[in-house]
Structures are given as C-alpha cells and as structure tokens.
C-alpha cells in the first residue's frame, strides 16, 4: 500500500534532511520530488510508435492498448498528466488487457477500465473497445473538480471508485515508462515517485509569518471552549476552532512538519495531524477520505495542501475544524496563531 511505502520513522536519527525534535525536515531531494509533482506538463503527448519489445513488463497487445489510450486522450485535448493517469488506471484495472470478465466486487465489469454495465459507460462493445472505453474514462476524469492538482491515484479513484483510493499509485511509474517509450523520449514535467502526491505545490492562503499561515480560507464560526453539542445533547469541550468554508476549499499545513495521522477518526470524520516538533501538533478534521492529499510519514511545508474542506463525522456543514496540541494537550488555537502573527478572524 502506498501509505506504507511513504512511512517514515519519527525517532531522532541522522538523515540527509535532518531531524529536529523528532520531526523530519524535508531534504533537498524530497523537495525536488514534491516540486516535480507540480511541474508543468508538455501538453498532449503524441505517440510516435509502439515498441516491439517489453516496456515495464508490458508487451504487444498491452502496449498497443496503451497507445490507444494516449491517442484518445490527445484527440480529446487531455494533457500528458491526464494521459498518464489514463494508462496508470488501465494498468491497475486490467493490466492493459481488454478482459471479458469482472471480479467479485464488480462481476459485470469489462474492458481495459473494468467499466460497469450501469448505463454510464456505454454498451458492452463500447466497454470492450480501447478507444470507446478510454473516451468514457477521459470524459469522466475531466468532470472531476480539480483533477489536475489531485494526486494521480486520487484522480483515478474519483472516476473508478476503487475501495482503496491509493490502489493505482503503484502503476504511476510504469505508466511513465510506457508513455516515454510510446513518445520516443522521456515525458517532460512528469516525475516518477509522485503517483500519490498532489500537484498543489506550496501556496499559503495568507502571509507566512515566522513559518506559519492560515490553514484555510474561511470565516471563524466557533472558537475553543465548552459549548452545546451541535449533533447531540449536552455540553462538550470544543477542542479547536471552526473555519466555515465552502466544500472542497483547500486545507493547508499551518506550519512545516511531518504527517503523523491521515485517515478515519470517529467523530472527526477524517483527520490529518502534523507534528511540527517541540511538542506542537496541529490537527485538521471533517474531510472526506478521498479528499486527503497526504499520507502518514510525508513531510510538508507551510502552506502545502493537506486535504479539502468537507463535512464528514459529527458535523452540520462544510468547515475546517482546526486544533493545536501543545505537549499532547488541546490548546486554544487563537492565541497560538496570534503569537505567530496569524489572525483568522
């Protein structure tokens, strides 16, 4: 699983990037990899020929099907990143073979993209045809909001709805190899090792003061302290602050650090926690699982996107619930941010 592949130990050890108070500092090579995920693409890729040998373990019919996917993407105006996502997805679904069967989860799935017989993907013949099935895939991909900046595996998941959003990431690098072989040259702007990384770069939502910034562009709707339970009865400690924002608004790291939690968390819905060292941890909650753009062990910079605003868990509407833990104890984020020159009000 790609989450495990990116996992890093938090014990203080000497590494190229260095560890400060148990938090990984992004090394120069790691920073280059993250930047590569956001590099500008070369426009649509043109197939110059189908290799006669083996490329990344794929041969003959498989490479011809990959070429059909790439050509279809080009005809639809899809850029090289989107074309690579198409090839990656077909690798993960069918090994680039138009299989005439499904599986236990989708017994009616057929073709390169294992498209279902639910009326959304055309006829049986369409689903078994490389060009028609790729056309359906790309139309669905282009309809995904912000697909260009999503991690490739998440963009594919938004179309395919696989049980594991990170299922496709392992095929990103082979897809790039195949694309390079079809184009006759390496594909500029697409880097291996970025199949689970967002193409968001670092875009702080406000001024960065002393290495800190606002975690989301939203209105302060509830502060820290005891309050009535909005989804139940009685009172409870509201252990953070709420920033009301539209669904899918970007959530970014308030400060640099390492992701120590990313996933389901009971009433939080889904939660991302970033350890900044010196006993400081920030937490971000109520996102949908498929809207997380980081994994445990990943180092992040101030302003780097972590997720998108949602309303999962104990929530009455789209907002970011933001917490600050100091030595493991929930603290009021307002004075913490104010001390760092950040005011969300």
Protein backbone atom coordinates (compact mmCIF):
# COMPACT_ATOMS: atom_id res chain seq x y z
CA UNK A 1 0.00 0.00 0.00
CA UNK A 2 1.40 3.43 -0.92
CA UNK A 3 0.77 4.82 2.55
CA UNK A 4 3.21 2.28 3.97
CA UNK A 5 5.71 2.97 1.22
CA UNK A 6 5.91 6.59 2.33
CA UNK A 7 6.04 5.85 6.05
CA UNK A 8 8.97 7.34 7.97
CA UNK A 9 10.19 6.72 11.49
CA UNK A 10 9.84 9.59 13.93
CA UNK A 11 12.72 8.52 16.18
CA UNK A 12 15.52 11.13 16.17
CA UNK A 13 18.15 9.79 13.77
CA UNK A 14 20.71 11.35 11.49
CA UNK A 15 19.40 11.54 7.92
CA UNK A 16 20.16 13.67 4.90
CA UNK A 17 17.28 16.02 5.60
CA UNK A 18 17.93 16.06 9.34
CA UNK A 19 15.57 15.61 12.26
CA UNK A 20 14.68 18.44 14.58
CA UNK A 21 12.90 17.42 17.79
CA UNK A 22 11.66 14.26 16.10
CA UNK A 23 10.24 15.99 13.03
CA UNK A 24 11.64 15.31 9.59
CA UNK A 25 12.92 18.35 7.75
CA UNK A 26 12.31 17.95 4.03
CA UNK A 27 15.62 17.18 2.36
CA UNK A 28 16.58 18.76 -0.93
CA UNK A 29 15.90 15.54 -2.92
CA UNK A 30 12.48 15.20 -1.25
CA UNK A 31 11.68 18.81 -2.01
CA UNK A 32 12.59 18.21 -5.65
CA UNK A 33 10.26 15.19 -5.80
CA UNK A 34 7.39 17.24 -4.34
CA UNK A 35 8.11 20.06 -6.77
CA UNK A 36 8.18 17.56 -9.65
CA UNK A 37 4.62 16.57 -8.83
CA UNK A 38 3.65 20.13 -9.69
CA UNK A 39 5.83 20.65 -12.73
CA UNK A 40 4.11 21.96 -15.80
CA UNK A 41 3.32 19.32 -18.40
CA UNK A 42 4.20 19.45 -22.11
CA UNK A 43 0.63 19.50 -23.37
CA UNK A 44 -0.79 16.38 -25.00
CA UNK A 45 1.60 13.55 -25.76
CA UNK A 46 1.97 12.25 -29.32
CA UNK A 47 2.57 8.55 -29.95
CA UNK A 48 5.49 8.13 -32.36
CA UNK A 49 5.36 4.34 -32.42
CA UNK A 50 4.57 1.19 -30.46
CA UNK A 51 7.73 -0.62 -29.26
CA UNK A 52 8.18 -4.20 -30.36
CA UNK A 53 9.81 -5.37 -27.15
CA UNK A 54 8.96 -5.20 -23.47
CA UNK A 55 8.46 -1.95 -21.57
CA UNK A 56 7.96 -2.01 -17.79
CA UNK A 57 6.77 -5.61 -18.12
CA UNK A 58 4.20 -4.85 -20.86
CA UNK A 59 4.32 -6.16 -24.44
CA UNK A 60 2.43 -6.40 -27.72
CA UNK A 61 -1.32 -6.00 -27.21
CA UNK A 62 -0.80 -4.24 -23.88
CA UNK A 63 1.42 -1.55 -25.43
CA UNK A 64 -0.99 -1.17 -28.34
CA UNK A 65 -3.82 -0.59 -25.87
CA UNK A 66 -1.71 1.98 -24.00
CA UNK A 67 -1.10 3.74 -27.32
CA UNK A 68 -4.84 3.79 -27.99
CA UNK A 69 -5.45 5.39 -24.59
CA UNK A 70 -2.80 8.04 -25.20
CA UNK A 71 -4.08 8.82 -28.71
CA UNK A 72 -7.65 9.07 -27.42
CA UNK A 73 -6.55 11.49 -24.72
CA UNK A 74 -4.73 13.61 -27.28
CA UNK A 75 -7.81 13.71 -29.51
CA UNK A 76 -9.85 14.98 -26.55
CA UNK A 77 -7.26 17.63 -25.64
CA UNK A 78 -6.14 15.87 -22.46
CA UNK A 79 -2.61 16.82 -21.39
CA UNK A 80 0.23 14.38 -20.71
CA UNK A 81 -0.59 14.20 -17.00
CA UNK A 82 -4.15 13.13 -17.82
CA UNK A 83 -2.92 10.68 -20.46
CA UNK A 84 -0.58 9.15 -17.88
CA UNK A 85 -3.46 8.86 -15.41
CA UNK A 86 -5.44 7.00 -18.08
CA UNK A 87 -2.66 4.49 -18.74
CA UNK A 88 -1.98 4.09 -15.00
CA UNK A 89 -5.67 3.38 -14.36
CA UNK A 90 -5.91 0.76 -17.09
CA UNK A 91 -2.77 -0.91 -15.74
CA UNK A 92 -4.34 -1.07 -12.30
CA UNK A 93 -7.69 -2.33 -13.58
CA UNK A 94 -6.78 -4.82 -16.31
CA UNK A 95 -3.01 -4.92 -16.89
CA UNK A 96 -3.75 -3.18 -20.21
CA UNK A 97 -5.78 -6.14 -21.49
CA UNK A 98 -9.43 -5.76 -22.53
CA UNK A 99 -10.60 -8.54 -20.22
CA UNK A 100 -14.03 -10.01 -20.83
CA UNK A 101 -14.86 -10.64 -17.18
CA UNK A 102 -15.22 -8.81 -13.88
CA UNK A 103 -14.46 -9.73 -10.28
CA UNK A 104 -16.33 -10.34 -7.04
CA UNK A 105 -16.79 -6.61 -6.43
CA UNK A 106 -17.99 -5.95 -9.98
CA UNK A 107 -18.98 -9.10 -11.85
CA UNK A 108 -20.32 -7.03 -14.75
CA UNK A 109 -17.07 -5.04 -15.16
CA UNK A 110 -15.45 -5.30 -18.59
CA UNK A 111 -12.59 -3.97 -20.66
CA UNK A 112 -9.41 -2.00 -20.06
CA UNK A 113 -11.00 0.16 -17.37
CA UNK A 114 -13.32 -2.51 -15.92
CA UNK A 115 -16.34 -0.32 -16.59
CA UNK A 116 -19.69 -1.46 -15.21
CA UNK A 117 -22.91 -2.29 -17.07
CA UNK A 118 -24.80 0.51 -15.33
CA UNK A 119 -25.54 2.68 -18.34
CA UNK A 120 -22.77 5.18 -17.60
CA UNK A 121 -20.06 3.60 -19.73
CA UNK A 122 -21.85 2.69 -22.93
CA UNK A 123 -22.65 -0.69 -24.42
CA UNK A 124 -20.78 -3.94 -23.91
CA UNK A 125 -18.99 -3.30 -27.21
CA UNK A 126 -18.01 0.20 -26.05
CA UNK A 127 -16.56 -1.10 -22.80
CA UNK A 128 -14.54 -3.74 -24.65
CA UNK A 129 -13.21 -1.24 -27.21
CA UNK A 130 -9.98 0.56 -26.31
CA UNK A 131 -10.90 3.91 -27.88
CA UNK A 132 -14.52 3.99 -26.73
CA UNK A 133 -13.69 2.96 -23.16
CA UNK A 134 -10.82 5.45 -22.97
CA UNK A 135 -13.14 8.17 -24.27
CA UNK A 136 -15.60 7.41 -21.47
CA UNK A 137 -12.79 7.40 -18.91
CA UNK A 138 -11.39 10.76 -20.01
CA UNK A 139 -14.82 12.40 -20.12
CA UNK A 140 -15.33 11.28 -16.51
CA UNK A 141 -11.83 12.41 -15.49
CA UNK A 142 -12.30 15.87 -16.98
CA UNK A 143 -15.52 16.22 -14.98
CA UNK A 144 -13.70 15.66 -11.67
CA UNK A 145 -13.27 19.07 -9.95
CA UNK A 146 -9.59 19.95 -9.65
CA UNK A 147 -8.37 16.67 -11.13
CA UNK A 148 -5.25 18.42 -12.44
CA UNK A 149 -4.00 19.08 -8.89
CA UNK A 150 -5.10 15.84 -7.25
CA UNK A 151 -2.61 13.03 -6.68
CA UNK A 152 -2.86 10.85 -9.82
CA UNK A 153 -4.14 7.88 -7.80
CA UNK A 154 -6.88 10.02 -6.22
CA UNK A 155 -7.91 11.44 -9.61
CA UNK A 156 -8.24 7.88 -10.91
CA UNK A 157 -10.16 6.87 -7.79
CA UNK A 158 -12.67 9.71 -8.30
CA UNK A 159 -13.54 8.11 -11.64
CA UNK A 160 -13.25 4.43 -10.76
CA UNK A 161 -14.39 4.45 -7.10
CA UNK A 162 -11.99 1.71 -6.07
CA UNK A 163 -12.24 0.61 -2.44
CA UNK A 164 -8.63 1.78 -1.93
CA UNK A 165 -8.01 5.36 -3.13
CA UNK A 166 -4.27 4.60 -3.30
CA UNK A 167 -4.69 1.43 -5.37
CA UNK A 168 -3.41 2.99 -8.59
CA UNK A 169 -0.29 4.74 -7.27
CA UNK A 170 1.96 1.71 -7.78
CA UNK A 171 1.34 1.91 -11.54
CA UNK A 172 2.30 5.57 -11.95
CA UNK A 173 5.99 4.88 -12.56
CA UNK A 174 5.34 2.03 -15.07
CA UNK A 175 2.84 4.29 -16.85
CA UNK A 176 5.51 6.97 -17.24
CA UNK A 177 7.92 4.37 -18.66
CA UNK A 178 5.33 3.26 -21.20
CA UNK A 179 4.48 6.85 -22.15
CA UNK A 180 8.16 7.63 -22.70
CA UNK A 181 8.51 4.56 -24.92
CA UNK A 182 5.42 5.49 -26.94
CA UNK A 183 6.62 9.08 -27.35
CA UNK A 184 10.19 8.07 -28.12
CA UNK A 185 11.58 10.31 -25.36
CA UNK A 186 11.14 10.99 -21.63
CA UNK A 187 7.99 12.97 -20.87
CA UNK A 188 8.91 16.41 -19.56
CA UNK A 189 7.08 17.63 -16.49
CA UNK A 190 6.08 14.20 -15.13
CA UNK A 191 8.23 12.54 -12.49
CA UNK A 192 8.34 9.01 -11.07
CA UNK A 193 7.56 8.62 -7.40
CA UNK A 194 4.72 11.16 -7.49
CA UNK A 195 1.71 8.89 -8.02
CA UNK A 196 0.36 9.68 -4.56
CA UNK A 197 1.48 13.33 -4.39
CA UNK A 198 -0.80 16.27 -5.17
CA UNK A 199 0.17 18.79 -7.81
CA UNK A 200 -0.58 21.66 -5.46
CA UNK A 201 2.85 22.92 -4.54
CA UNK A 202 3.05 25.39 -1.69
CA UNK A 203 0.50 28.19 -1.92
CA UNK A 204 -0.11 29.75 1.52
CA UNK A 205 -3.60 31.18 1.97
CA UNK A 206 -2.26 34.22 3.80
CA UNK A 207 1.04 35.75 4.82
CA UNK A 208 3.65 33.37 6.20
CA UNK A 209 4.86 34.88 9.47
CA UNK A 210 7.65 33.04 11.25
CA UNK A 211 6.89 29.91 9.24
CA UNK A 212 3.11 29.84 9.90
CA UNK A 213 -0.01 30.61 7.88
CA UNK A 214 -3.80 30.22 7.92
CA UNK A 215 -4.92 26.60 7.47
CA UNK A 216 -7.97 27.51 5.35
CA UNK A 217 -9.69 30.49 3.80
CA UNK A 218 -12.87 30.63 5.86
CA UNK A 219 -14.93 32.53 8.43
CA UNK A 220 -14.33 31.85 12.14
CA UNK A 221 -17.65 30.28 13.14
CA UNK A 222 -16.84 28.70 16.51
CA UNK A 223 -13.99 29.08 18.96
CA UNK A 224 -12.26 26.98 21.59
CA UNK A 225 -14.09 26.07 24.81
CA UNK A 226 -17.20 24.40 26.18
CA UNK A 227 -20.34 24.61 24.06
CA UNK A 228 -23.52 22.75 23.26
CA UNK A 229 -23.09 19.58 21.25
CA UNK A 230 -24.23 20.56 17.71
CA UNK A 231 -25.02 16.96 16.74
CA UNK A 232 -26.17 15.61 20.10
CA UNK A 233 -27.21 16.61 23.61
CA UNK A 234 -25.48 18.37 26.49
CA UNK A 235 -22.20 20.27 26.54
CA UNK A 236 -18.76 19.28 25.41
CA UNK A 237 -15.31 20.78 25.04
CA UNK A 238 -14.82 22.16 21.56
CA UNK A 239 -11.10 21.47 21.40
CA UNK A 240 -10.30 23.74 18.48
CA UNK A 241 -11.75 26.40 16.23
CA UNK A 242 -14.03 26.09 13.22
CA UNK A 243 -13.50 27.92 9.95
CA UNK A 244 -16.67 27.85 7.86
CA UNK A 245 -15.77 27.40 4.20
CA UNK A 246 -17.26 26.00 1.03
CA UNK A 247 -16.91 22.29 0.43
CA UNK A 248 -13.67 21.44 -1.43
CA UNK A 249 -11.87 24.58 -0.21
CA UNK A 250 -8.15 23.84 0.14
CA UNK A 251 -6.83 22.97 3.61
CA UNK A 252 -3.11 23.64 4.00
CA UNK A 253 -0.49 22.94 6.63
CA UNK A 254 -0.37 25.82 9.10
CA UNK A 255 3.34 25.11 9.56
CA UNK A 256 6.05 22.79 8.30
CA UNK A 257 6.28 19.31 9.77
CA UNK A 258 5.54 15.67 9.21
CA UNK A 259 2.16 13.99 8.82
CA UNK A 260 1.61 11.62 11.74
CA UNK A 261 -2.06 10.81 11.14
CA UNK A 262 -4.20 10.78 8.00
CA UNK A 263 -7.46 8.88 7.92
CA UNK A 264 -10.66 7.94 9.70
CA UNK A 265 -11.07 9.29 13.24
CA UNK A 266 -14.56 8.68 14.66
CA UNK A 267 -16.44 11.95 15.24
CA UNK A 268 -13.78 13.87 13.32
CA UNK A 269 -14.78 12.02 10.17
CA UNK A 270 -11.28 12.04 8.79
CA UNK A 271 -8.34 13.77 10.39
CA UNK A 272 -4.85 14.88 9.41
CA UNK A 273 -2.30 15.60 12.14
CA UNK A 274 1.02 17.34 11.51
CA UNK A 275 3.86 17.20 14.05
CA UNK A 276 5.87 20.42 13.97
CA UNK A 277 8.40 19.45 16.63
CA UNK A 278 8.95 20.95 20.08
CA UNK A 279 5.70 19.36 21.29
CA UNK A 280 3.48 21.19 18.76
CA UNK A 281 0.92 19.22 16.72
CA UNK A 282 -1.83 20.71 14.55
CA UNK A 283 -4.92 18.74 13.55
CA UNK A 284 -7.38 19.23 10.69
CA UNK A 285 -10.76 17.48 10.63
CA UNK A 286 -14.08 16.67 8.91
CA UNK A 287 -12.67 15.96 5.43
CA UNK A 288 -13.92 13.12 3.23
CA UNK A 289 -11.47 10.21 2.96
CA UNK A 290 -10.96 10.69 -0.76
CA UNK A 291 -10.13 14.38 -0.24
CA UNK A 292 -6.94 13.74 1.76
CA UNK A 293 -3.88 14.58 -0.30
CA UNK A 294 -1.14 13.47 2.11
CA UNK A 295 -0.11 10.22 3.76
CA UNK A 296 1.44 9.32 7.11
CA UNK A 297 5.18 9.95 7.11
CA UNK A 298 5.08 12.64 4.44
CA UNK A 299 6.95 15.85 5.19
CA UNK A 300 5.02 19.02 4.38
CA UNK A 301 5.91 22.67 4.02
CA UNK A 302 3.98 25.64 5.35
CA UNK A 303 1.04 26.23 3.03
CA UNK A 304 1.18 22.79 1.38
CA UNK A 305 -2.25 21.31 0.73
CA UNK A 306 -3.31 18.53 3.08
CA UNK A 307 -6.95 17.99 2.08
CA UNK A 308 -10.18 19.67 1.03
CA UNK A 309 -12.90 21.01 3.31
CA UNK A 310 -15.76 18.58 3.93
CA UNK A 311 -18.46 17.70 6.45
CA UNK A 312 -17.64 14.13 7.49
CA UNK A 313 -18.19 12.88 11.03
CA UNK A 314 -20.03 14.90 13.68
CA UNK A 315 -20.57 17.96 11.53
CA UNK A 316 -23.50 20.12 10.49
CA UNK A 317 -21.96 21.60 7.35
CA UNK A 318 -18.74 22.10 5.44
CA UNK A 319 -15.99 23.60 7.60
CA UNK A 320 -12.46 23.01 8.85
CA UNK A 321 -12.09 22.02 12.49
CA UNK A 322 -8.55 23.08 13.45
CA UNK A 323 -6.79 22.06 16.66
CA UNK A 324 -3.46 22.83 18.28
CA UNK A 325 -1.95 20.35 20.73
CA UNK A 326 0.89 21.53 22.97
CA UNK A 327 2.67 18.58 24.57
CA UNK A 328 -0.42 16.49 23.87
CA UNK A 329 -2.92 18.91 25.43
CA UNK A 330 -5.56 20.70 23.34
CA UNK A 331 -4.94 24.46 23.43
CA UNK A 332 -6.82 27.46 22.08
CA UNK A 333 -5.59 27.98 18.50
CA UNK A 334 -6.40 31.72 18.50
CA UNK A 335 -3.65 32.87 20.88
CA UNK A 336 -1.28 30.29 19.41
CA UNK A 337 -1.79 31.75 15.95
CA UNK A 338 -1.82 35.34 17.24
CA UNK A 339 1.62 34.84 18.80
CA UNK A 340 2.79 33.92 15.31
CA UNK A 341 1.16 36.92 13.63
CA UNK A 342 -1.81 34.98 12.21
CA UNK A 343 -5.40 36.13 12.80
CA UNK A 344 -8.23 34.02 11.29
CA UNK A 345 -10.94 36.49 12.39
